[in-house]
Amino acid sequence: MKKLIWDDDVEEIDLGDGDFITISSALSVKDLASINAAENQMEVSLSLLRRLVRSWRGPSFERNNTPVACTPENIDRLQIGVATEIANKLVAKISETGIDDEAKKESTESSSSISETPGLPIT
């Protein structure tokens, strides 16, 4: 298992229709702290998206044939269905890469599971 996470430790995910996102390959301590600071489930979901979505490309991420920057403000503009799909992939990635048992316990105590977020079910 990796000990440090770098900005270029990413994975590209195909969303279909020529759209792709690049996500962080793992959670850092800073990512987990940001997620744990969220006050409710929607904030947890938004924090995951804002922290772990690194870039995007494709026709859905363009406006007037110009690429739209992947910024926290633009991540907030995602359609709920797309946000749900991405959040589910992020949760699956987090589960796959794992968080040590103590971090999982602390995370669970400070915030509930993302699957409880209305509109963001885990599939």
PDB file of N, CA and C in Angstrom:
ATOM      1  N   MET A   1       0.844  -1.185   0.000  1.00  0.00           N
ATOM      2  CA  MET A   1       0.000   0.000   0.000  1.00  0.00           C
ATOM      3  C   MET A   1       0.886   1.244   0.000  1.00  0.00           C
ATOM      4  N   LYS A   2       0.444   2.245  -0.743  1.00  0.00           N
ATOM      5  CA  LYS A   2       1.185   3.501  -0.812  1.00  0.00           C
ATOM      6  C   LYS A   2       1.178   4.210   0.534  1.00  0.00           C
ATOM      7  N   LYS A   3       2.237   4.917   0.804  1.00  0.00           N
ATOM      8  CA  LYS A   3       2.342   5.684   2.045  1.00  0.00           C
ATOM      9  C   LYS A   3       2.055   7.171   1.813  1.00  0.00           C
ATOM     10  N   LEU A   4       2.335   7.666   0.627  1.00  0.00           N
ATOM     11  CA  LEU A   4       2.092   9.063   0.277  1.00  0.00           C
ATOM     12  C   LEU A   4       1.228   9.123  -0.977  1.00  0.00           C
ATOM     13  N   ILE A   5       0.422  10.164  -1.077  1.00  0.00           N
ATOM     14  CA  ILE A   5      -0.451  10.359  -2.237  1.00  0.00           C
ATOM     15  C   ILE A   5      -0.024  11.649  -2.930  1.00  0.00           C
ATOM     16  N   TRP A   6       0.238  11.547  -4.216  1.00  0.00           N
ATOM     17  CA  TRP A   6       0.677  12.693  -5.004  1.00  0.00           C
ATOM     18  C   TRP A   6      -0.449  13.163  -5.905  1.00  0.00           C
ATOM     19  N   ASP A   7      -0.343  14.404  -6.379  1.00  0.00           N
ATOM     20  CA  ASP A   7      -1.377  14.973  -7.247  1.00  0.00           C
ATOM     21  C   ASP A   7      -1.575  14.174  -8.527  1.00  0.00           C
ATOM     22  N   ASP A   8      -0.527  13.489  -8.986  1.00  0.00           N
ATOM     23  CA  ASP A   8      -0.669  12.721 -10.227  1.00  0.00           C
ATOM     24  C   ASP A   8      -1.068  11.263  -9.978  1.00  0.00           C
ATOM     25  N   ASP A   9      -1.393  10.912  -8.744  1.00  0.00           N
ATOM     26  CA  ASP A   9      -1.928   9.584  -8.420  1.00  0.00           C
ATOM     27  C   ASP A   9      -3.434   9.607  -8.693  1.00  0.00           C
ATOM     28  N   VAL A  10      -3.778   9.397  -9.953  1.00  0.00           N
ATOM     29  CA  VAL A  10      -5.168   9.531 -10.380  1.00  0.00           C
ATOM     30  C   VAL A  10      -5.587   8.331 -11.225  1.00  0.00           C
ATOM     31  N   GLU A  11      -6.880   8.243 -11.428  1.00  0.00           N
ATOM     32  CA  GLU A  11      -7.474   7.205 -12.263  1.00  0.00           C
ATOM     33  C   GLU A  11      -8.543   7.866 -13.121  1.00  0.00           C
ATOM     34  N   GLU A  12      -8.580   7.535 -14.402  1.00  0.00           N
ATOM     35  CA  GLU A  12      -9.594   8.086 -15.290  1.00  0.00           C
ATOM     36  C   GLU A  12     -10.782   7.133 -15.353  1.00  0.00           C
ATOM     37  N   ILE A  13     -11.980   7.706 -15.279  1.00  0.00           N
ATOM     38  CA  ILE A  13     -13.212   6.928 -15.327  1.00  0.00           C
ATOM     39  C   ILE A  13     -14.027   7.379 -16.531  1.00  0.00           C
ATOM     40  N   ASP A  14     -14.484   6.410 -17.309  1.00  0.00           N
ATOM     41  CA  ASP A  14     -15.309   6.662 -18.484  1.00  0.00           C
ATOM     42  C   ASP A  14     -16.761   6.782 -18.040  1.00  0.00           C
ATOM     43  N   LEU A  15     -17.359   7.947 -18.249  1.00  0.00           N
ATOM     44  CA  LEU A  15     -18.761   8.177 -17.903  1.00  0.00           C
ATOM     45  C   LEU A  15     -19.691   7.901 -19.084  1.00  0.00           C
ATOM     46  N   GLY A  16     -19.134   7.510 -20.201  1.00  0.00           N
ATOM     47  CA  GLY A  16     -19.934   7.267 -21.394  1.00  0.00           C
ATOM     48  C   GLY A  16     -20.139   8.536 -22.193  1.00  0.00           C
ATOM     49  N   ASP A  17     -20.605   8.391 -23.414  1.00  0.00           N
ATOM     50  CA  ASP A  17     -20.892   9.515 -24.310  1.00  0.00           C
ATOM     51  C   ASP A  17     -19.675  10.415 -24.540  1.00  0.00           C
ATOM     52  N   GLY A  18     -18.461   9.847 -24.439  1.00  0.00           N
ATOM     53  CA  GLY A  18     -17.248  10.625 -24.675  1.00  0.00           C
ATOM     54  C   GLY A  18     -16.807  11.475 -23.504  1.00  0.00           C
ATOM     55  N   ASP A  19     -17.430  11.283 -22.343  1.00  0.00           N
ATOM     56  CA  ASP A  19     -17.091  12.050 -21.142  1.00  0.00           C
ATOM     57  C   ASP A  19     -16.224  11.218 -20.203  1.00  0.00           C
ATOM     58  N   PHE A  20     -15.207  11.855 -19.640  1.00  0.00           N
ATOM     59  CA  PHE A  20     -14.287  11.197 -18.716  1.00  0.00           C
ATOM     60  C   PHE A  20     -14.021  12.117 -17.535  1.00  0.00           C
ATOM     61  N   ILE A  21     -13.820  11.519 -16.364  1.00  0.00           N
ATOM     62  CA  ILE A  21     -13.355  12.280 -15.204  1.00  0.00           C
ATOM     63  C   ILE A  21     -12.085  11.619 -14.703  1.00  0.00           C
ATOM     64  N   THR A  22     -11.267  12.408 -14.077  1.00  0.00           N
ATOM     65  CA  THR A  22     -10.069  11.911 -13.431  1.00  0.00           C
ATOM     66  C   THR A  22     -10.251  12.132 -11.941  1.00  0.00           C
ATOM     67  N   ILE A  23     -10.083  11.054 -11.176  1.00  0.00           N
ATOM     68  CA  ILE A  23     -10.252  11.138  -9.725  1.00  0.00           C
ATOM     69  C   ILE A  23      -8.956  10.753  -9.033  1.00  0.00           C
ATOM     70  N   SER A  24      -8.805  11.225  -7.817  1.00  0.00           N
ATOM     71  CA  SER A  24      -7.672  10.834  -6.997  1.00  0.00           C
ATOM     72  C   SER A  24      -7.729   9.334  -6.763  1.00  0.00           C
ATOM     73  N   SER A  25      -6.579   8.699  -6.719  1.00  0.00           N
ATOM     74  CA  SER A  25      -6.550   7.246  -6.558  1.00  0.00           C
ATOM     75  C   SER A  25      -6.727   6.805  -5.108  1.00  0.00           C
ATOM     76  N   ALA A  26      -6.649   7.744  -4.166  1.00  0.00           N
ATOM     77  CA  ALA A  26      -6.790   7.395  -2.746  1.00  0.00           C
ATOM     78  C   ALA A  26      -7.086   8.651  -1.944  1.00  0.00           C
ATOM     79  N   LEU A  27      -7.526   8.453  -0.718  1.00  0.00           N
ATOM     80  CA  LEU A  27      -7.775   9.570   0.198  1.00  0.00           C
ATOM     81  C   LEU A  27      -6.500   9.932   0.951  1.00  0.00           C
ATOM     82  N   SER A  28      -6.261  11.220   1.099  1.00  0.00           N
ATOM     83  CA  SER A  28      -5.159  11.689   1.936  1.00  0.00           C
ATOM     84  C   SER A  28      -5.712  12.079   3.307  1.00  0.00           C
ATOM     85  N   VAL A  29      -4.837  12.361   4.226  1.00  0.00           N
ATOM     86  CA  VAL A  29      -5.255  12.823   5.546  1.00  0.00           C
ATOM     87  C   VAL A  29      -6.063  14.112   5.407  1.00  0.00           C
ATOM     88  N   LYS A  30      -5.624  15.000   4.540  1.00  0.00           N
ATOM     89  CA  LYS A  30      -6.329  16.273   4.327  1.00  0.00           C
ATOM     90  C   LYS A  30      -7.724  16.039   3.742  1.00  0.00           C
ATOM     91  N   ASP A  31      -7.832  15.083   2.811  1.00  0.00           N
ATOM     92  CA  ASP A  31      -9.146  14.746   2.239  1.00  0.00           C
ATOM     93  C   ASP A  31     -10.085  14.255   3.328  1.00  0.00           C
ATOM     94  N   LEU A  32      -9.608  13.336   4.151  1.00  0.00           N
ATOM     95  CA  LEU A  32     -10.436  12.771   5.214  1.00  0.00           C
ATOM     96  C   LEU A  32     -10.856  13.840   6.218  1.00  0.00           C
ATOM     97  N   ALA A  33      -9.940  14.754   6.549  1.00  0.00           N
ATOM     98  CA  ALA A  33     -10.275  15.835   7.484  1.00  0.00           C
ATOM     99  C   ALA A  33     -11.374  16.722   6.911  1.00  0.00           C
ATOM    100  N   SER A  34     -11.281  17.023   5.631  1.00  0.00           N
ATOM    101  CA  SER A  34     -12.297  17.846   4.982  1.00  0.00           C
ATOM    102  C   SER A  34     -13.655  17.152   4.990  1.00  0.00           C
ATOM    103  N   ILE A  35     -13.662  15.872   4.711  1.00  0.00           N
ATOM    104  CA  ILE A  35     -14.902  15.102   4.694  1.00  0.00           C
ATOM    105  C   ILE A  35     -15.492  15.027   6.098  1.00  0.00           C
ATOM    106  N   ASN A  36     -14.636  14.806   7.078  1.00  0.00           N
ATOM    107  CA  ASN A  36     -15.111  14.702   8.462  1.00  0.00           C
ATOM    108  C   ASN A  36     -15.630  16.030   9.007  1.00  0.00           C
ATOM    109  N   ALA A  37     -15.211  17.147   8.409  1.00  0.00           N
ATOM    110  CA  ALA A  37     -15.666  18.462   8.861  1.00  0.00           C
ATOM    111  C   ALA A  37     -17.076  18.786   8.359  1.00  0.00           C
ATOM    112  N   ALA A  38     -17.567  17.997   7.430  1.00  0.00           N
ATOM    113  CA  ALA A  38     -18.904  18.231   6.883  1.00  0.00           C
ATOM    114  C   ALA A  38     -19.955  18.046   7.971  1.00  0.00           C
ATOM    115  N   GLU A  39     -20.981  18.892   7.918  1.00  0.00           N
ATOM    116  CA  GLU A  39     -22.018  18.873   8.951  1.00  0.00           C
ATOM    117  C   GLU A  39     -23.207  17.985   8.623  1.00  0.00           C
ATOM    118  N   ASN A  40     -23.370  17.611   7.356  1.00  0.00           N
ATOM    119  CA  ASN A  40     -24.491  16.739   6.985  1.00  0.00           C
ATOM    120  C   ASN A  40     -24.098  15.913   5.769  1.00  0.00           C
ATOM    121  N   GLN A  41     -24.958  15.018   5.374  1.00  0.00           N
ATOM    122  CA  GLN A  41     -24.636  14.084   4.299  1.00  0.00           C
ATOM    123  C   GLN A  41     -24.399  14.762   2.957  1.00  0.00           C
ATOM    124  N   MET A  42     -25.159  15.792   2.651  1.00  0.00           N
ATOM    125  CA  MET A  42     -24.939  16.486   1.383  1.00  0.00           C
ATOM    126  C   MET A  42     -23.557  17.136   1.378  1.00  0.00           C
ATOM    127  N   GLU A  43     -23.155  17.700   2.492  1.00  0.00           N
ATOM    128  CA  GLU A  43     -21.818  18.286   2.570  1.00  0.00           C
ATOM    129  C   GLU A  43     -20.737  17.220   2.450  1.00  0.00           C
ATOM    130  N   VAL A  44     -20.973  16.032   2.993  1.00  0.00           N
ATOM    131  CA  VAL A  44     -20.021  14.927   2.834  1.00  0.00           C
ATOM    132  C   VAL A  44     -19.869  14.601   1.354  1.00  0.00           C
ATOM    133  N   SER A  45     -20.992  14.476   0.660  1.00  0.00           N
ATOM    134  CA  SER A  45     -20.968  14.156  -0.764  1.00  0.00           C
ATOM    135  C   SER A  45     -20.252  15.238  -1.560  1.00  0.00           C
ATOM    136  N   LEU A  46     -20.594  16.487  -1.298  1.00  0.00           N
ATOM    137  CA  LEU A  46     -19.946  17.595  -1.999  1.00  0.00           C
ATOM    138  C   LEU A  46     -18.455  17.635  -1.711  1.00  0.00           C
ATOM    139  N   SER A  47     -18.088  17.389  -0.482  1.00  0.00           N
ATOM    140  CA  SER A  47     -16.674  17.384  -0.114  1.00  0.00           C
ATOM    141  C   SER A  47     -15.923  16.296  -0.876  1.00  0.00           C
ATOM    142  N   LEU A  48     -16.508  15.109  -0.956  1.00  0.00           N
ATOM    143  CA  LEU A  48     -15.891  14.033  -1.734  1.00  0.00           C
ATOM    144  C   LEU A  48     -15.682  14.455  -3.181  1.00  0.00           C
ATOM    145  N   LEU A  49     -16.725  14.991  -3.778  1.00  0.00           N
ATOM    146  CA  LEU A  49     -16.622  15.413  -5.172  1.00  0.00           C
ATOM    147  C   LEU A  49     -15.585  16.517  -5.346  1.00  0.00           C
ATOM    148  N   ARG A  50     -15.653  17.531  -4.516  1.00  0.00           N
ATOM    149  CA  ARG A  50     -14.731  18.678  -4.643  1.00  0.00           C
ATOM    150  C   ARG A  50     -13.283  18.277  -4.406  1.00  0.00           C
ATOM    151  N   ARG A  51     -13.033  17.356  -3.480  1.00  0.00           N
ATOM    152  CA  ARG A  51     -11.672  16.984  -3.121  1.00  0.00           C
ATOM    153  C   ARG A  51     -11.068  15.951  -4.067  1.00  0.00           C
ATOM    154  N   LEU A  52     -11.895  15.038  -4.575  1.00  0.00           N
ATOM    155  CA  LEU A  52     -11.325  13.909  -5.300  1.00  0.00           C
ATOM    156  C   LEU A  52     -11.466  13.967  -6.817  1.00  0.00           C
ATOM    157  N   VAL A  53     -12.394  14.779  -7.342  1.00  0.00           N
ATOM    158  CA  VAL A  53     -12.480  14.942  -8.797  1.00  0.00           C
ATOM    159  C   VAL A  53     -11.397  15.939  -9.200  1.00  0.00           C
ATOM    160  N   ARG A  54     -10.432  15.456  -9.979  1.00  0.00           N
ATOM    161  CA  ARG A  54      -9.268  16.281 -10.348  1.00  0.00           C
ATOM    162  C   ARG A  54      -9.442  17.004 -11.680  1.00  0.00           C
ATOM    163  N   SER A  55     -10.082  16.335 -12.640  1.00  0.00           N
ATOM    164  CA  SER A  55     -10.284  16.962 -13.950  1.00  0.00           C
ATOM    165  C   SER A  55     -11.396  16.221 -14.677  1.00  0.00           C
ATOM    166  N   TRP A  56     -11.837  16.819 -15.789  1.00  0.00           N
ATOM    167  CA  TRP A  56     -12.831  16.186 -16.632  1.00  0.00           C
ATOM    168  C   TRP A  56     -12.629  16.637 -18.055  1.00  0.00           C
ATOM    169  N   ARG A  57     -13.196  15.843 -18.959  1.00  0.00           N
ATOM    170  CA  ARG A  57     -13.132  16.196 -20.386  1.00  0.00           C
ATOM    171  C   ARG A  57     -14.270  15.493 -21.095  1.00  0.00           C
ATOM    172  N   GLY A  58     -14.660  16.069 -22.199  1.00  0.00           N
ATOM    173  CA  GLY A  58     -15.732  15.498 -23.000  1.00  0.00           C
ATOM    174  C   GLY A  58     -16.787  16.527 -23.302  1.00  0.00           C
ATOM    175  N   PRO A  59     -17.700  16.177 -24.194  1.00  0.00           N
ATOM    176  CA  PRO A  59     -18.702  17.139 -24.643  1.00  0.00           C
ATOM    177  C   PRO A  59     -19.617  17.664 -23.541  1.00  0.00           C
ATOM    178  N   SER A  60     -19.891  16.882 -22.525  1.00  0.00           N
ATOM    179  CA  SER A  60     -20.761  17.354 -21.441  1.00  0.00           C
ATOM    180  C   SER A  60     -20.068  18.394 -20.563  1.00  0.00           C
ATOM    181  N   PHE A  61     -18.752  18.467 -20.670  1.00  0.00           N
ATOM    182  CA  PHE A  61     -17.982  19.405 -19.858  1.00  0.00           C
ATOM    183  C   PHE A  61     -17.475  20.568 -20.705  1.00  0.00           C
ATOM    184  N   GLU A  62     -18.297  20.939 -21.677  1.00  0.00           N
ATOM    185  CA  GLU A  62     -18.012  22.081 -22.543  1.00  0.00           C
ATOM    186  C   GLU A  62     -19.216  23.007 -22.556  1.00  0.00           C
ATOM    187  N   ARG A  63     -18.946  24.274 -22.779  1.00  0.00           N
ATOM    188  CA  ARG A  63     -20.017  25.251 -22.971  1.00  0.00           C
ATOM    189  C   ARG A  63     -19.620  26.109 -24.163  1.00  0.00           C
ATOM    190  N   ASN A  64     -20.479  26.156 -25.161  1.00  0.00           N
ATOM    191  CA  ASN A  64     -20.193  26.889 -26.400  1.00  0.00           C
ATOM    192  C   ASN A  64     -18.880  26.412 -27.015  1.00  0.00           C
ATOM    193  N   ASN A  65     -18.680  25.080 -27.026  1.00  0.00           N
ATOM    194  CA  ASN A  65     -17.490  24.445 -27.598  1.00  0.00           C
ATOM    195  C   ASN A  65     -16.191  24.800 -26.892  1.00  0.00           C
ATOM    196  N   THR A  66     -16.299  25.275 -25.660  1.00  0.00           N
ATOM    197  CA  THR A  66     -15.124  25.611 -24.862  1.00  0.00           C
ATOM    198  C   THR A  66     -15.126  24.751 -23.610  1.00  0.00           C
ATOM    199  N   PRO A  67     -14.001  24.076 -23.311  1.00  0.00           N
ATOM    200  CA  PRO A  67     -13.949  23.257 -22.095  1.00  0.00           C
ATOM    201  C   PRO A  67     -14.231  24.087 -20.835  1.00  0.00           C
ATOM    202  N   VAL A  68     -15.001  23.503 -19.935  1.00  0.00           N
ATOM    203  CA  VAL A  68     -15.326  24.140 -18.653  1.00  0.00           C
ATOM    204  C   VAL A  68     -14.309  23.641 -17.626  1.00  0.00           C
ATOM    205  N   ALA A  69     -13.705  24.564 -16.891  1.00  0.00           N
ATOM    206  CA  ALA A  69     -12.705  24.201 -15.892  1.00  0.00           C
ATOM    207  C   ALA A  69     -13.323  23.349 -14.784  1.00  0.00           C
ATOM    208  N   CYS A  70     -12.558  22.400 -14.302  1.00  0.00           N
ATOM    209  CA  CYS A  70     -13.002  21.545 -13.193  1.00  0.00           C
ATOM    210  C   CYS A  70     -12.640  22.264 -11.892  1.00  0.00           C
ATOM    211  N   THR A  71     -13.565  23.081 -11.418  1.00  0.00           N
ATOM    212  CA  THR A  71     -13.379  23.861 -10.194  1.00  0.00           C
ATOM    213  C   THR A  71     -14.462  23.458  -9.195  1.00  0.00           C
ATOM    214  N   PRO A  72     -14.267  23.751  -7.915  1.00  0.00           N
ATOM    215  CA  PRO A  72     -15.329  23.453  -6.944  1.00  0.00           C
ATOM    216  C   PRO A  72     -16.667  24.081  -7.332  1.00  0.00           C
ATOM    217  N   GLU A  73     -16.627  25.288  -7.874  1.00  0.00           N
ATOM    218  CA  GLU A  73     -17.863  25.961  -8.278  1.00  0.00           C
ATOM    219  C   GLU A  73     -18.556  25.208  -9.406  1.00  0.00           C
ATOM    220  N   ASN A  74     -17.776  24.705 -10.372  1.00  0.00           N
ATOM    221  CA  ASN A  74     -18.370  23.967 -11.483  1.00  0.00           C
ATOM    222  C   ASN A  74     -18.764  22.555 -11.073  1.00  0.00           C
ATOM    223  N   ILE A  75     -18.050  21.967 -10.130  1.00  0.00           N
ATOM    224  CA  ILE A  75     -18.456  20.665  -9.603  1.00  0.00           C
ATOM    225  C   ILE A  75     -19.839  20.802  -8.966  1.00  0.00           C
ATOM    226  N   ASP A  76     -20.092  21.944  -8.324  1.00  0.00           N
ATOM    227  CA  ASP A  76     -21.414  22.197  -7.740  1.00  0.00           C
ATOM    228  C   ASP A  76     -22.519  22.256  -8.793  1.00  0.00           C
ATOM    229  N   ARG A  77     -22.169  22.457 -10.049  1.00  0.00           N
ATOM    230  CA  ARG A  77     -23.139  22.545 -11.140  1.00  0.00           C
ATOM    231  C   ARG A  77     -23.515  21.182 -11.725  1.00  0.00           C
ATOM    232  N   LEU A  78     -22.853  20.132 -11.278  1.00  0.00           N
ATOM    233  CA  LEU A  78     -23.149  18.808 -11.827  1.00  0.00           C
ATOM    234  C   LEU A  78     -24.614  18.444 -11.629  1.00  0.00           C
ATOM    235  N   GLN A  79     -25.193  17.839 -12.631  1.00  0.00           N
ATOM    236  CA  GLN A  79     -26.548  17.307 -12.524  1.00  0.00           C
ATOM    237  C   GLN A  79     -26.533  16.227 -11.440  1.00  0.00           C
ATOM    238  N   ILE A  80     -27.584  16.136 -10.654  1.00  0.00           N
ATOM    239  CA  ILE A  80     -27.607  15.223  -9.511  1.00  0.00           C
ATOM    240  C   ILE A  80     -27.342  13.776  -9.931  1.00  0.00           C
ATOM    241  N   GLY A  81     -27.856  13.346 -11.079  1.00  0.00           N
ATOM    242  CA  GLY A  81     -27.610  11.981 -11.543  1.00  0.00           C
ATOM    243  C   GLY A  81     -26.137  11.721 -11.815  1.00  0.00           C
ATOM    244  N   VAL A  82     -25.464  12.705 -12.417  1.00  0.00           N
ATOM    245  CA  VAL A  82     -24.032  12.582 -12.696  1.00  0.00           C
ATOM    246  C   VAL A  82     -23.243  12.630 -11.385  1.00  0.00           C
ATOM    247  N   ALA A  83     -23.629  13.540 -10.496  1.00  0.00           N
ATOM    248  CA  ALA A  83     -22.962  13.630  -9.190  1.00  0.00           C
ATOM    249  C   ALA A  83     -23.100  12.318  -8.428  1.00  0.00           C
ATOM    250  N   THR A  84     -24.279  11.707  -8.513  1.00  0.00           N
ATOM    251  CA  THR A  84     -24.519  10.421  -7.859  1.00  0.00           C
ATOM    252  C   THR A  84     -23.600   9.345  -8.424  1.00  0.00           C
ATOM    253  N   GLU A  85     -23.525   9.279  -9.746  1.00  0.00           N
ATOM    254  CA  GLU A  85     -22.673   8.283 -10.391  1.00  0.00           C
ATOM    255  C   GLU A  85     -21.208   8.467  -9.976  1.00  0.00           C
ATOM    256  N   ILE A  86     -20.745   9.699  -9.998  1.00  0.00           N
ATOM    257  CA  ILE A  86     -19.354   9.969  -9.628  1.00  0.00           C
ATOM    258  C   ILE A  86     -19.128   9.663  -8.148  1.00  0.00           C
ATOM    259  N   ALA A  87     -20.048  10.106  -7.282  1.00  0.00           N
ATOM    260  CA  ALA A  87     -19.908   9.844  -5.847  1.00  0.00           C
ATOM    261  C   ALA A  87     -19.871   8.350  -5.571  1.00  0.00           C
ATOM    262  N   ASN A  88     -20.702   7.578  -6.268  1.00  0.00           N
ATOM    263  CA  ASN A  88     -20.690   6.122  -6.098  1.00  0.00           C
ATOM    264  C   ASN A  88     -19.343   5.529  -6.498  1.00  0.00           C
ATOM    265  N   LYS A  89     -18.781   6.028  -7.594  1.00  0.00           N
ATOM    266  CA  LYS A  89     -17.469   5.553  -8.030  1.00  0.00           C
ATOM    267  C   LYS A  89     -16.389   5.934  -7.028  1.00  0.00           C
ATOM    268  N   LEU A  90     -16.503   7.128  -6.442  1.00  0.00           N
ATOM    269  CA  LEU A  90     -15.530   7.551  -5.434  1.00  0.00           C
ATOM    270  C   LEU A  90     -15.619   6.674  -4.191  1.00  0.00           C
ATOM    271  N   VAL A  91     -16.833   6.401  -3.747  1.00  0.00           N
ATOM    272  CA  VAL A  91     -17.018   5.546  -2.570  1.00  0.00           C
ATOM    273  C   VAL A  91     -16.469   4.151  -2.851  1.00  0.00           C
ATOM    274  N   ALA A  92     -16.729   3.622  -4.050  1.00  0.00           N
ATOM    275  CA  ALA A  92     -16.200   2.307  -4.415  1.00  0.00           C
ATOM    276  C   ALA A  92     -14.683   2.330  -4.411  1.00  0.00           C
ATOM    277  N   LYS A  93     -14.105   3.421  -4.915  1.00  0.00           N
ATOM    278  CA  LYS A  93     -12.648   3.549  -4.947  1.00  0.00           C
ATOM    279  C   LYS A  93     -12.086   3.610  -3.534  1.00  0.00           C
ATOM    280  N   ILE A  94     -12.744   4.365  -2.668  1.00  0.00           N
ATOM    281  CA  ILE A  94     -12.300   4.471  -1.280  1.00  0.00           C
ATOM    282  C   ILE A  94     -12.361   3.095  -0.620  1.00  0.00           C
ATOM    283  N   SER A  95     -13.433   2.379  -0.861  1.00  0.00           N
ATOM    284  CA  SER A  95     -13.592   1.035  -0.297  1.00  0.00           C
ATOM    285  C   SER A  95     -12.522   0.094  -0.835  1.00  0.00           C
ATOM    286  N   GLU A  96     -12.205   0.243  -2.112  1.00  0.00           N
ATOM    287  CA  GLU A  96     -11.212  -0.610  -2.769  1.00  0.00           C
ATOM    288  C   GLU A  96      -9.811  -0.355  -2.231  1.00  0.00           C
ATOM    289  N   THR A  97      -9.445   0.924  -2.104  1.00  0.00           N
ATOM    290  CA  THR A  97      -8.098   1.249  -1.635  1.00  0.00           C
ATOM    291  C   THR A  97      -8.003   1.116  -0.131  1.00  0.00           C
ATOM    292  N   GLY A  98      -9.147   1.313   0.530  1.00  0.00           N
ATOM    293  CA  GLY A  98      -9.203   1.092   1.977  1.00  0.00           C
ATOM    294  C   GLY A  98      -8.702   2.262   2.785  1.00  0.00           C
ATOM    295  N   ILE A  99      -9.255   2.350   3.968  1.00  0.00           N
ATOM    296  CA  ILE A  99      -8.809   3.272   4.995  1.00  0.00           C
ATOM    297  C   ILE A  99      -8.545   2.376   6.181  1.00  0.00           C
ATOM    298  N   ASP A 100      -7.487   2.651   6.938  1.00  0.00           N
ATOM    299  CA  ASP A 100      -7.224   1.747   8.055  1.00  0.00           C
ATOM    300  C   ASP A 100      -8.383   1.764   9.039  1.00  0.00           C
ATOM    301  N   ASP A 101      -8.490   0.717   9.852  1.00  0.00           N
ATOM    302  CA  ASP A 101      -9.644   0.528  10.733  1.00  0.00           C
ATOM    303  C   ASP A 101      -9.880   1.697  11.669  1.00  0.00           C
ATOM    304  N   GLU A 102      -8.841   2.305  12.193  1.00  0.00           N
ATOM    305  CA  GLU A 102      -9.003   3.436  13.109  1.00  0.00           C
ATOM    306  C   GLU A 102      -9.592   4.645  12.371  1.00  0.00           C
ATOM    307  N   ALA A 103      -9.096   4.919  11.170  1.00  0.00           N
ATOM    308  CA  ALA A 103      -9.640   6.035  10.382  1.00  0.00           C
ATOM    309  C   ALA A 103     -11.089   5.780  10.026  1.00  0.00           C
ATOM    310  N   LYS A 104     -11.426   4.530   9.681  1.00  0.00           N
ATOM    311  CA  LYS A 104     -12.815   4.200   9.383  1.00  0.00           C
ATOM    312  C   LYS A 104     -13.702   4.455  10.589  1.00  0.00           C
ATOM    313  N   LYS A 105     -13.236   4.054  11.771  1.00  0.00           N
ATOM    314  CA  LYS A 105     -14.012   4.239  12.986  1.00  0.00           C
ATOM    315  C   LYS A 105     -14.245   5.722  13.253  1.00  0.00           C
ATOM    316  N   GLU A 106     -13.171   6.527  13.149  1.00  0.00           N
ATOM    317  CA  GLU A 106     -13.295   7.961  13.382  1.00  0.00           C
ATOM    318  C   GLU A 106     -14.209   8.609  12.350  1.00  0.00           C
ATOM    319  N   SER A 107     -14.082   8.196  11.093  1.00  0.00           N
ATOM    320  CA  SER A 107     -14.910   8.743  10.032  1.00  0.00           C
ATOM    321  C   SER A 107     -16.377   8.408  10.265  1.00  0.00           C
ATOM    322  N   THR A 108     -16.647   7.182  10.669  1.00  0.00           N
ATOM    323  CA  THR A 108     -18.019   6.755  10.922  1.00  0.00           C
ATOM    324  C   THR A 108     -18.617   7.499  12.101  1.00  0.00           C
ATOM    325  N   GLU A 109     -17.814   7.741  13.122  1.00  0.00           N
ATOM    326  CA  GLU A 109     -18.317   8.447  14.297  1.00  0.00           C
ATOM    327  C   GLU A 109     -18.632   9.901  13.992  1.00  0.00           C
ATOM    328  N   SER A 110     -17.855  10.527  13.101  1.00  0.00           N
ATOM    329  CA  SER A 110     -18.047  11.951  12.847  1.00  0.00           C
ATOM    330  C   SER A 110     -19.047  12.241  11.738  1.00  0.00           C
ATOM    331  N   SER A 111     -19.294  11.257  10.873  1.00  0.00           N
ATOM    332  CA  SER A 111     -20.290  11.456   9.815  1.00  0.00           C
ATOM    333  C   SER A 111     -20.839  10.111   9.389  1.00  0.00           C
ATOM    334  N   SER A 112     -22.090  10.110   8.964  1.00  0.00           N
ATOM    335  CA  SER A 112     -22.730   8.873   8.525  1.00  0.00           C
ATOM    336  C   SER A 112     -22.276   8.512   7.135  1.00  0.00           C
ATOM    337  N   SER A 113     -22.685   7.368   6.682  1.00  0.00           N
ATOM    338  CA  SER A 113     -22.328   6.875   5.360  1.00  0.00           C
ATOM    339  C   SER A 113     -22.939   7.740   4.266  1.00  0.00           C
ATOM    340  N   ILE A 114     -22.204   7.919   3.166  1.00  0.00           N
ATOM    341  CA  ILE A 114     -22.693   8.682   2.031  1.00  0.00           C
ATOM    342  C   ILE A 114     -23.945   8.042   1.452  1.00  0.00           C
ATOM    343  N   SER A 115     -24.114   6.733   1.672  1.00  0.00           N
ATOM    344  CA  SER A 115     -25.281   6.052   1.109  1.00  0.00           C
ATOM    345  C   SER A 115     -26.585   6.559   1.693  1.00  0.00           C
ATOM    346  N   GLU A 116     -26.510   7.275   2.809  1.00  0.00           N
ATOM    347  CA  GLU A 116     -27.718   7.807   3.417  1.00  0.00           C
ATOM    348  C   GLU A 116     -28.105   9.170   2.852  1.00  0.00           C
ATOM    349  N   THR A 117     -27.288   9.710   1.965  1.00  0.00           N
ATOM    350  CA  THR A 117     -27.563  11.010   1.385  1.00  0.00           C
ATOM    351  C   THR A 117     -28.711  10.901   0.401  1.00  0.00           C
ATOM    352  N   PRO A 118     -29.759  11.700   0.588  1.00  0.00           N
ATOM    353  CA  PRO A 118     -30.868  11.651  -0.363  1.00  0.00           C
ATOM    354  C   PRO A 118     -30.361  11.935  -1.771  1.00  0.00           C
ATOM    355  N   GLY A 119     -30.759  11.088  -2.701  1.00  0.00           N
ATOM    356  CA  GLY A 119     -30.360  11.280  -4.083  1.00  0.00           C
ATOM    357  C   GLY A 119     -28.986  10.729  -4.421  1.00  0.00           C
ATOM    358  N   LEU A 120     -28.249  10.233  -3.435  1.00  0.00           N
ATOM    359  CA  LEU A 120     -26.926   9.684  -3.699  1.00  0.00           C
ATOM    360  C   LEU A 120     -26.828   8.267  -3.170  1.00  0.00           C
ATOM    361  N   PRO A 121     -27.620   7.337  -3.706  1.00  0.00           N
ATOM    362  CA  PRO A 121     -27.557   5.966  -3.224  1.00  0.00           C
ATOM    363  C   PRO A 121     -26.282   5.279  -3.691  1.00  0.00           C
ATOM    364  N   ILE A 122     -25.851   4.327  -2.934  1.00  0.00           N
ATOM    365  CA  ILE A 122     -24.703   3.527  -3.332  1.00  0.00           C
ATOM    366  C   ILE A 122     -25.244   2.291  -4.053  1.00  0.00           C
ATOM    367  N   THR A 123     -24.707   2.038  -5.244  1.00  0.00           N
ATOM    368  CA  THR A 123     -25.167   0.880  -6.018  1.00  0.00           C
ATOM    369  C   THR A 123     -24.146  -0.215  -5.963  1.00  0.00           C
TER     370      THR A 123
END
